[in-house]
N, C-alpha and C. Protein backbone atom coordinates (compact mmCIF):
# COMPACT_ATOMS: atom_id res chain seq x y z
N UNK A 1 -114.53 13.45 137.55
CA UNK A 1 -113.31 13.58 138.24
C UNK A 1 -112.13 13.65 137.24
N UNK A 2 -112.73 12.70 136.11
CA UNK A 2 -111.56 12.49 134.98
C UNK A 2 -111.35 13.86 134.69
N UNK A 3 -112.67 14.51 133.99
CA UNK A 3 -111.95 16.02 133.22
C UNK A 3 -111.22 17.14 134.45
N UNK A 4 -111.65 16.76 135.66
CA UNK A 4 -110.96 17.59 136.61
C UNK A 4 -109.86 17.52 136.29
N UNK A 5 -109.05 16.34 136.30
CA UNK A 5 -107.91 15.93 136.38
C UNK A 5 -106.87 16.18 135.18
N UNK A 6 -107.64 16.38 134.03
CA UNK A 6 -107.15 16.62 132.58
C UNK A 6 -107.32 18.14 132.54
N UNK A 7 -108.38 18.79 133.26
CA UNK A 7 -107.77 20.42 133.36
C UNK A 7 -106.74 20.73 133.61
N UNK A 8 -106.60 20.10 135.18
CA UNK A 8 -105.76 20.14 135.81
C UNK A 8 -104.13 20.02 135.09
N UNK A 9 -103.93 19.14 134.38
CA UNK A 9 -102.88 19.01 133.69
C UNK A 9 -102.75 19.83 132.80
N UNK A 10 -103.83 20.37 132.06
CA UNK A 10 -103.67 21.04 130.88
C UNK A 10 -103.28 22.50 131.41
N UNK A 11 -103.59 22.83 132.61
CA UNK A 11 -103.23 24.29 133.45
C UNK A 11 -101.85 24.25 133.45
N UNK A 12 -101.32 23.19 134.15
CA UNK A 12 -99.75 22.97 134.22
C UNK A 12 -99.21 23.15 133.08
N UNK A 13 -99.39 22.28 131.71
CA UNK A 13 -99.11 22.55 130.75
C UNK A 13 -98.92 24.36 130.18
N UNK A 14 -100.05 24.80 130.20
CA UNK A 14 -99.97 26.21 129.77
C UNK A 14 -99.15 27.15 130.64
N UNK A 15 -98.99 26.84 131.79
CA UNK A 15 -98.33 27.65 132.97
C UNK A 15 -96.90 27.48 132.73
N UNK A 16 -96.29 26.32 132.49
CA UNK A 16 -94.72 25.99 131.83
C UNK A 16 -94.69 26.53 130.66
N UNK A 17 -95.74 26.43 129.54
CA UNK A 17 -95.39 26.89 128.71
C UNK A 17 -95.00 28.50 128.48
N UNK A 18 -95.66 29.47 129.54
CA UNK A 18 -95.69 30.73 129.29
C UNK A 18 -94.55 31.22 130.46
N UNK A 19 -94.14 30.31 131.43
CA UNK A 19 -92.92 30.42 132.00
C UNK A 19 -91.62 30.28 131.05
N UNK A 20 -91.54 29.30 130.15
CA UNK A 20 -90.48 29.18 129.30
C UNK A 20 -90.66 29.91 128.27
N UNK A 21 -91.71 30.80 127.78
CA UNK A 21 -91.75 31.86 126.73
C UNK A 21 -91.14 33.07 127.50
N UNK A 22 -91.67 33.04 128.84
CA UNK A 22 -90.72 34.20 129.62
C UNK A 22 -89.48 34.48 129.42
N UNK A 23 -88.99 33.18 130.03
CA UNK A 23 -87.79 32.88 130.11
C UNK A 23 -86.43 33.14 128.90
N UNK A 24 -87.21 32.47 127.56
CA UNK A 24 -86.89 32.79 126.27
C UNK A 24 -86.75 34.30 126.22
N UNK A 25 -87.76 34.95 126.41
CA UNK A 25 -87.94 36.53 125.90
C UNK A 25 -86.65 37.30 126.89
N UNK A 26 -86.88 36.87 128.02
CA UNK A 26 -85.73 37.58 128.96
C UNK A 26 -84.08 37.42 128.48
N UNK A 27 -84.12 36.34 128.26
CA UNK A 27 -82.85 35.92 127.58
C UNK A 27 -82.44 37.10 126.38
N UNK A 28 -83.39 37.03 125.65
CA UNK A 28 -83.53 37.39 124.17
C UNK A 28 -83.31 38.90 124.42
N UNK A 29 -83.68 39.71 125.56
CA UNK A 29 -83.74 41.16 125.79
C UNK A 29 -82.69 41.69 126.04
N UNK A 30 -82.01 40.62 127.23
CA UNK A 30 -80.41 40.82 127.62
C UNK A 30 -79.27 40.78 126.53
N UNK A 31 -79.52 39.70 125.93
CA UNK A 31 -78.75 39.25 124.58
C UNK A 31 -78.64 41.01 123.65
N UNK A 32 -80.20 41.10 123.20
CA UNK A 32 -80.15 42.83 122.07
C UNK A 32 -79.48 43.74 123.30
N UNK A 33 -79.77 44.04 124.77
CA UNK A 33 -79.35 45.03 125.21
C UNK A 33 -77.82 45.31 125.47
N UNK A 34 -77.05 43.92 125.26
CA UNK A 34 -75.58 44.25 125.33
C UNK A 34 -74.86 44.69 124.11
N UNK A 35 -75.76 44.49 122.70
CA UNK A 35 -75.34 45.28 121.56
C UNK A 35 -74.41 44.22 120.91
N UNK A 36 -74.70 44.54 119.32
CA UNK A 36 -73.60 43.98 118.74
C UNK A 36 -71.98 43.82 119.09
N UNK A 37 -71.36 42.80 118.67
CA UNK A 37 -70.03 43.01 118.91
C UNK A 37 -69.25 43.65 118.19
N UNK A 38 -69.28 43.96 116.86
CA UNK A 38 -68.92 44.41 115.85
C UNK A 38 -69.12 45.85 115.83
N UNK A 39 -70.15 46.66 117.00
CA UNK A 39 -69.87 47.81 116.67
C UNK A 39 -68.82 48.97 116.87
N UNK A 40 -68.02 48.77 117.62
CA UNK A 40 -66.73 49.27 117.75
C UNK A 40 -65.71 49.74 116.51
N UNK A 41 -65.68 48.49 115.43
CA UNK A 41 -65.18 48.39 114.15
C UNK A 41 -66.08 49.28 113.17
N UNK A 42 -66.95 49.10 113.27
CA UNK A 42 -68.22 49.70 112.41
C UNK A 42 -68.42 51.09 112.62
N UNK A 43 -68.17 51.62 114.20
CA UNK A 43 -68.23 53.07 114.12
C UNK A 43 -66.96 53.72 113.82
N UNK A 44 -65.67 52.95 113.94
CA UNK A 44 -64.22 53.46 113.08
C UNK A 44 -64.63 53.37 111.98
N UNK A 45 -65.20 53.01 111.14
CA UNK A 45 -65.44 52.99 109.81
C UNK A 45 -64.59 52.07 109.36
N UNK A 46 -63.87 51.14 110.04
CA UNK A 46 -62.90 49.85 109.11
C UNK A 46 -63.45 48.82 109.13
N UNK A 47 -63.40 48.13 108.57
CA UNK A 47 -64.15 46.60 108.42
C UNK A 47 -63.60 45.98 109.48
N UNK A 48 -64.51 44.75 109.80
CA UNK A 48 -64.44 44.10 111.13
C UNK A 48 -62.96 43.28 111.01
N UNK A 49 -62.09 43.11 112.17
CA UNK A 49 -61.19 42.19 111.83
C UNK A 49 -59.84 43.18 111.58
N UNK A 50 -60.14 44.49 111.06
CA UNK A 50 -58.93 45.06 110.78
C UNK A 50 -58.07 45.78 111.91
N UNK A 51 -58.75 45.61 112.73
CA UNK A 51 -57.89 45.91 114.07
C UNK A 51 -56.29 45.54 114.37
N UNK A 52 -56.29 44.73 113.79
CA UNK A 52 -55.45 43.64 113.93
C UNK A 52 -53.87 44.68 113.22
N UNK A 53 -54.52 45.28 112.11
CA UNK A 53 -53.41 46.13 111.35
C UNK A 53 -52.68 47.24 111.91
N UNK A 54 -53.31 47.50 112.90
CA UNK A 54 -52.57 48.51 113.86
C UNK A 54 -52.85 50.14 112.95
N UNK A 55 -53.81 49.95 112.33
CA UNK A 55 -54.17 51.54 111.97
C UNK A 55 -54.08 52.63 112.74
N UNK A 56 -53.70 53.97 112.07
CA UNK A 56 -53.55 54.98 112.77
C UNK A 56 -54.77 55.70 112.82
N UNK A 57 -54.83 56.91 113.59
CA UNK A 57 -56.07 57.63 113.70
C UNK A 57 -56.79 58.43 112.19
N UNK A 58 -55.59 58.73 111.57
CA UNK A 58 -55.60 59.31 110.28
C UNK A 58 -56.14 58.17 109.41
N UNK A 59 -55.30 57.10 109.32
CA UNK A 59 -55.91 56.06 108.05
C UNK A 59 -57.23 55.43 108.50
N UNK A 60 -57.56 55.61 109.79
CA UNK A 60 -59.28 55.28 109.84
C UNK A 60 -60.13 56.34 109.41
N UNK A 61 -59.61 57.52 109.83
CA UNK A 61 -60.22 58.50 108.90
C UNK A 61 -60.40 58.56 107.52
N UNK A 62 -59.45 58.25 106.90
CA UNK A 62 -59.31 58.10 105.29
C UNK A 62 -60.06 57.18 104.87
N UNK A 63 -59.99 55.83 105.57
CA UNK A 63 -60.68 54.62 105.23
C UNK A 63 -62.42 55.13 105.60
N UNK A 64 -62.95 55.34 106.47
CA UNK A 64 -64.05 55.90 106.60
C UNK A 64 -64.51 56.81 105.50
N UNK A 65 -63.76 58.31 105.14
CA UNK A 65 -63.98 58.71 104.12
C UNK A 65 -64.06 58.07 102.74
N UNK A 66 -63.49 57.16 102.63
CA UNK A 66 -63.43 56.70 101.41
C UNK A 66 -64.35 55.54 101.44
N UNK A 67 -64.93 54.88 102.40
CA UNK A 67 -66.21 54.14 102.41
C UNK A 67 -67.42 55.01 102.40
N UNK A 68 -67.39 56.07 102.61
CA UNK A 68 -68.75 57.02 102.70
C UNK A 68 -68.78 57.26 101.44
N UNK A 69 -67.78 58.03 100.95
CA UNK A 69 -67.97 58.42 99.35
C UNK A 69 -68.49 57.08 98.65
N UNK A 70 -67.89 55.91 98.61
CA UNK A 70 -68.35 54.78 97.95
C UNK A 70 -70.31 54.57 98.10
N UNK A 71 -70.49 54.58 99.47
CA UNK A 71 -71.96 54.42 99.69
C UNK A 71 -72.69 55.57 99.21
N UNK A 72 -72.25 56.98 99.12
CA UNK A 72 -72.79 57.89 98.68
C UNK A 72 -73.12 57.76 96.91
N UNK A 73 -71.94 56.95 96.61
CA UNK A 73 -72.36 57.16 94.98
C UNK A 73 -72.92 55.98 94.73
N UNK A 74 -73.04 55.04 95.58
CA UNK A 74 -73.97 54.12 95.08
C UNK A 74 -75.48 53.91 95.24
N UNK A 75 -75.88 55.19 95.99
CA UNK A 75 -76.87 54.94 96.43
C UNK A 75 -77.82 55.36 95.55
N UNK A 76 -78.01 56.16 94.53
CA UNK A 76 -78.73 56.22 93.32
C UNK A 76 -78.87 54.86 92.46
N UNK A 77 -77.79 54.15 92.31
CA UNK A 77 -77.52 52.74 91.50
C UNK A 77 -78.32 51.87 92.26
N UNK A 78 -78.29 51.88 93.59
CA UNK A 78 -79.15 50.75 94.26
C UNK A 78 -80.80 51.01 94.27
N UNK A 79 -80.86 52.18 94.11
CA UNK A 79 -82.46 52.64 94.11
C UNK A 79 -83.15 52.15 92.93
N UNK A 80 -82.14 52.33 91.57
CA UNK A 80 -82.71 52.27 90.17
C UNK A 80 -82.51 50.57 90.09
N UNK A 81 -81.67 49.84 90.67
CA UNK A 81 -81.33 48.42 90.89
C UNK A 81 -82.62 47.54 91.20
N UNK A 82 -83.28 48.49 92.74
CA UNK A 82 -84.12 47.64 93.05
C UNK A 82 -85.71 47.73 92.13
N UNK A 83 -85.58 49.17 91.59
CA UNK A 83 -86.73 49.20 90.82
C UNK A 83 -86.49 48.29 89.24
N UNK A 84 -85.35 48.17 88.89
CA UNK A 84 -85.15 47.71 87.70
C UNK A 84 -85.55 45.98 87.81
N UNK A 85 -85.25 45.43 89.03
CA UNK A 85 -85.75 43.89 89.61
C UNK A 85 -86.71 43.60 89.36
N UNK A 86 -87.76 44.75 90.04
CA UNK A 86 -89.04 44.79 90.51
C UNK A 86 -89.82 44.70 89.09
N UNK A 87 -89.52 45.62 87.91
CA UNK A 87 -90.05 45.63 86.95
C UNK A 87 -89.84 44.29 85.74
N UNK A 88 -88.45 43.64 86.13
CA UNK A 88 -87.92 42.81 85.29
C UNK A 88 -89.55 41.31 85.84
N UNK A 89 -89.45 41.24 86.99
CA UNK A 89 -90.15 40.20 87.60
C UNK A 89 -91.30 40.41 87.37
N UNK A 90 -92.24 41.83 87.34
CA UNK A 90 -93.25 41.99 86.57
C UNK A 90 -93.50 41.56 85.29
N UNK A 91 -92.66 42.00 84.42
CA UNK A 91 -92.91 41.93 82.95
C UNK A 91 -92.52 40.07 82.75
N UNK A 92 -91.80 39.33 83.49
CA UNK A 92 -91.60 37.99 83.75
C UNK A 92 -93.06 37.16 83.53
N UNK A 93 -93.54 37.77 84.73
CA UNK A 93 -94.76 37.22 85.18
C UNK A 93 -96.06 37.90 84.35
N UNK A 94 -95.79 38.50 83.64
CA UNK A 94 -97.33 39.30 82.68
C UNK A 94 -97.95 38.34 82.32
N UNK A 95 -98.97 38.50 81.93
CA UNK A 95 -100.00 37.20 81.03
C UNK A 95 -99.46 37.33 79.58
N UNK A 96 -98.81 38.41 78.76
CA UNK A 96 -98.29 38.27 77.58
C UNK A 96 -96.88 39.21 77.82
N UNK A 97 -95.92 38.07 78.33
CA UNK A 97 -94.00 38.56 78.51
C UNK A 97 -93.89 39.10 77.32
N UNK A 98 -92.99 40.26 77.31
CA UNK A 98 -92.64 40.91 76.19
C UNK A 98 -91.01 40.93 76.41
N UNK A 99 -90.68 39.99 75.34
CA UNK A 99 -89.02 39.84 75.34
C UNK A 99 -88.30 40.70 75.16
N UNK A 100 -88.39 41.64 74.20
CA UNK A 100 -87.57 42.75 73.94
C UNK A 100 -87.39 43.50 75.58
N UNK A 101 -88.76 43.89 75.93
CA UNK A 101 -88.71 44.77 77.10
C UNK A 101 -87.54 44.09 78.25
N UNK A 102 -88.01 42.64 78.31
CA UNK A 102 -87.01 42.00 79.38
C UNK A 102 -85.84 42.04 79.26
N UNK A 103 -85.48 41.72 78.08
CA UNK A 103 -84.14 41.79 77.32
C UNK A 103 -83.26 43.36 77.60
N UNK A 104 -83.79 44.38 77.40
CA UNK A 104 -83.82 45.55 77.69
C UNK A 104 -83.43 46.13 79.52
N UNK A 105 -84.48 45.51 80.04
CA UNK A 105 -84.34 45.49 81.30
C UNK A 105 -82.84 44.40 82.03
N UNK A 106 -82.76 43.25 81.47
CA UNK A 106 -81.67 42.73 81.81
C UNK A 106 -80.51 43.44 81.36
N UNK A 107 -80.33 44.06 80.22
CA UNK A 107 -79.17 44.99 80.09
C UNK A 107 -79.00 45.84 80.83
N UNK A 108 -80.01 46.66 81.08
CA UNK A 108 -79.87 47.81 82.35
C UNK A 108 -79.33 47.61 83.59
N UNK A 109 -79.68 46.27 83.95
CA UNK A 109 -79.86 45.34 85.21
C UNK A 109 -77.85 45.05 84.97
N UNK A 110 -77.22 44.77 84.37
CA UNK A 110 -76.40 44.45 84.08
C UNK A 110 -75.25 45.68 83.98
N UNK A 111 -75.61 46.60 83.52
CA UNK A 111 -74.92 47.60 83.45
C UNK A 111 -74.89 48.41 84.60
N UNK A 112 -75.87 48.36 85.38
CA UNK A 112 -76.13 48.91 86.96
C UNK A 112 -75.06 48.36 88.22
N UNK A 113 -74.84 46.97 87.97
CA UNK A 113 -74.36 45.74 88.43
C UNK A 113 -72.80 45.94 88.38
N UNK A 114 -72.25 46.58 87.04
CA UNK A 114 -71.13 46.82 86.60
C UNK A 114 -71.00 48.24 87.58
N UNK A 115 -71.65 48.96 86.82
CA UNK A 115 -71.18 50.26 87.73
C UNK A 115 -71.18 50.24 89.40
N UNK A 116 -71.68 49.56 90.14
CA UNK A 116 -71.84 49.20 91.26
C UNK A 116 -70.41 48.32 91.53
N UNK A 117 -70.10 47.45 90.51
CA UNK A 117 -68.77 46.86 90.91
C UNK A 117 -67.88 47.73 90.69
N UNK A 118 -67.53 48.56 90.02
CA UNK A 118 -66.79 49.52 89.84
C UNK A 118 -66.55 50.56 90.81
N UNK A 119 -67.32 51.07 91.59
CA UNK A 119 -67.33 51.77 92.80
C UNK A 119 -66.72 50.88 93.76
N UNK A 120 -67.29 49.94 93.68
CA UNK A 120 -66.53 49.13 95.13
C UNK A 120 -65.07 48.72 94.68
N UNK A 121 -64.83 48.57 93.57
CA UNK A 121 -63.10 48.19 93.01
C UNK A 121 -62.54 49.53 93.37
N UNK A 122 -63.09 50.41 93.28
CA UNK A 122 -62.30 51.71 93.42
C UNK A 122 -61.91 52.33 94.77
N UNK A 123 -63.11 51.90 95.66
CA UNK A 123 -62.93 51.60 97.14
C UNK A 123 -61.99 51.09 97.48
N UNK A 124 -61.74 49.95 97.17
CA UNK A 124 -60.85 49.16 97.59
C UNK A 124 -59.37 49.76 97.40
N UNK A 125 -59.30 49.78 95.83
CA UNK A 125 -58.04 50.32 95.54
C UNK A 125 -57.34 51.29 96.17
N UNK A 126 -58.25 52.29 96.87
CA UNK A 126 -58.28 53.90 97.46
C UNK A 126 -58.02 53.40 99.07
N UNK A 127 -58.49 52.53 99.46
CA UNK A 127 -58.35 51.71 100.86
C UNK A 127 -56.88 51.20 100.98
N UNK A 128 -56.63 50.29 99.77
CA UNK A 128 -55.20 49.66 99.72
C UNK A 128 -53.91 50.81 99.79
N UNK A 129 -54.42 51.89 98.75
CA UNK A 129 -53.04 52.98 98.95
C UNK A 129 -53.42 53.62 100.26
N UNK A 130 -54.53 53.61 101.04
CA UNK A 130 -54.26 54.14 102.41
C UNK A 130 -52.92 53.68 103.32
N UNK A 131 -52.88 51.63 102.93
CA UNK A 131 -52.21 51.35 104.00
C UNK A 131 -50.68 50.98 104.02
N UNK A 132 -49.66 50.83 104.79
CA UNK A 132 -48.77 50.90 104.30
C UNK A 132 -47.92 49.49 103.64
N UNK A 133 -47.02 49.09 103.33
CA UNK A 133 -46.35 47.50 102.71
C UNK A 133 -46.75 46.57 103.85
N UNK A 134 -46.12 46.95 105.24
CA UNK A 134 -46.58 45.92 106.29
C UNK A 134 -47.91 45.91 106.56
N UNK A 135 -48.69 46.85 106.58
CA UNK A 135 -50.15 46.53 107.03
C UNK A 135 -50.99 45.67 105.80
N UNK A 136 -50.70 46.06 104.36
CA UNK A 136 -50.71 45.27 103.44
C UNK A 136 -50.42 43.60 103.41
N UNK A 137 -49.40 43.51 103.57
CA UNK A 137 -49.05 42.01 104.17
C UNK A 137 -49.40 41.40 105.40
N UNK A 138 -49.76 42.11 106.04
CA UNK A 138 -50.70 41.64 107.33
C UNK A 138 -52.11 41.55 106.85
N UNK A 139 -52.59 42.17 105.93
CA UNK A 139 -54.22 41.99 105.52
C UNK A 139 -54.19 40.71 104.71
N UNK A 140 -53.16 40.47 104.20
CA UNK A 140 -53.11 38.83 103.14
C UNK A 140 -53.02 38.09 104.07
N UNK A 141 -52.51 38.18 104.88
CA UNK A 141 -52.03 37.20 106.07
C UNK A 141 -53.06 36.66 106.94
N UNK A 142 -54.16 37.70 106.92
CA UNK A 142 -55.21 37.76 108.19
C UNK A 142 -56.19 36.42 107.70
N UNK A 143 -56.51 35.72 108.22
CA UNK A 143 -57.69 34.43 107.62
C UNK A 143 -58.61 35.39 107.46
N UNK A 144 -59.18 36.60 107.76
CA UNK A 144 -60.30 36.93 106.95
C UNK A 144 -60.41 37.31 105.61
N UNK A 145 -58.67 37.14 105.28
CA UNK A 145 -58.53 37.30 103.90
C UNK A 145 -58.95 38.45 103.05
N UNK A 146 -58.72 39.65 103.93
CA UNK A 146 -59.20 41.08 102.97
C UNK A 146 -60.71 41.59 102.92
N UNK A 147 -60.76 41.61 101.91
CA UNK A 147 -62.04 42.40 100.84
C UNK A 147 -62.75 40.87 100.59
N UNK A 148 -63.77 40.95 100.96
CA UNK A 148 -64.93 40.33 100.28
C UNK A 148 -65.12 38.68 100.63
N UNK A 149 -64.05 38.16 101.35
CA UNK A 149 -63.86 36.93 101.51
C UNK A 149 -64.75 36.27 102.74
N UNK A 150 -65.81 35.62 102.71
CA UNK A 150 -67.08 35.41 103.34
C UNK A 150 -67.35 34.15 103.17
N UNK A 151 -67.80 33.66 104.67
CA UNK A 151 -68.53 32.18 104.61
C UNK A 151 -69.61 31.81 104.13
N UNK A 152 -70.20 30.69 104.55
CA UNK A 152 -71.68 30.53 103.70
C UNK A 152 -72.57 30.63 104.62
N UNK A 153 -72.41 31.21 105.83
CA UNK A 153 -73.31 31.68 106.78
C UNK A 153 -74.22 32.86 106.56
N UNK A 154 -75.08 33.19 107.46
CA UNK A 154 -75.86 34.53 107.54
C UNK A 154 -74.48 35.71 107.63
N UNK A 155 -74.92 36.71 106.85
CA UNK A 155 -73.99 37.72 107.25
C UNK A 155 -72.52 37.32 106.74
N UNK A 156 -72.45 36.19 106.11
CA UNK A 156 -70.87 35.78 105.40
C UNK A 156 -70.51 34.95 106.97
N UNK A 157 -70.97 34.43 107.77
CA UNK A 157 -70.31 33.86 109.05
C UNK A 157 -69.80 32.55 108.78
N UNK A 158 -69.51 31.85 109.64
CA UNK A 158 -69.17 30.48 109.62
C UNK A 158 -67.91 30.13 109.15
N UNK A 159 -67.65 31.10 108.26
CA UNK A 159 -65.99 31.07 107.88
C UNK A 159 -65.79 29.90 106.37
N UNK A 160 -64.70 29.76 105.93
CA UNK A 160 -64.72 28.70 104.80
C UNK A 160 -64.58 27.40 105.15
N UNK A 161 -64.41 27.21 106.26
CA UNK A 161 -64.20 25.33 106.72
C UNK A 161 -62.91 25.35 106.75
N UNK A 162 -62.53 24.00 106.80
CA UNK A 162 -61.12 23.06 106.69
C UNK A 162 -60.03 23.74 105.68
N UNK A 163 -60.81 23.71 104.46
CA UNK A 163 -60.21 23.97 103.04
C UNK A 163 -59.71 25.09 102.60
N UNK A 164 -60.39 26.20 103.42
CA UNK A 164 -60.50 28.01 103.25
C UNK A 164 -59.08 28.54 103.39
N UNK A 165 -59.12 29.43 102.84
CA UNK A 165 -57.89 30.54 103.47
C UNK A 165 -57.80 30.62 104.60
N UNK A 166 -56.38 30.57 105.12
CA UNK A 166 -56.04 30.85 106.67
C UNK A 166 -56.18 29.54 107.61
N UNK A 167 -56.65 28.31 106.90
CA UNK A 167 -56.58 27.40 107.47
C UNK A 167 -55.01 26.78 107.66
N UNK A 168 -54.75 26.09 108.89
CA UNK A 168 -53.07 25.78 109.23
C UNK A 168 -53.55 24.69 110.00
N UNK A 169 -52.74 23.38 109.66
CA UNK A 169 -52.60 22.25 110.49
C UNK A 169 -51.13 22.80 111.45
């Protein structure tokens, strides 16, 4: 009789586990079906939070073109950067590491990263050129801080905390 009771208890736990897993899965599917909240800004071609700037349709179009151009310019560099990082990792873990080869790879990596930074900087300057003086002032006043100011969380979330820019008492 003891084994029969323990089997019933085990079955109950299994059934509860399956029900809980199905409940979690259904909530996850419902959340995914709603889609990301940032999609409208991404579709418009402007960074998230810039809706507060009151951009015109023409400005949105120009910003989207600038961002697309910068993206297209950076694609070859991104691929080569990935390849060089892999080569450097392999060279580092080789049985007989070649210091000269690793230094050359590191130098090329730094050059590519510099080129990518120049592309990004030029795009940011071009985008700022599209904005009016009032919009630039709003951009600087936003808690988002404009370009590149991100928090410590995944995808730059969670903000800076109480001591970061935009904190008001």
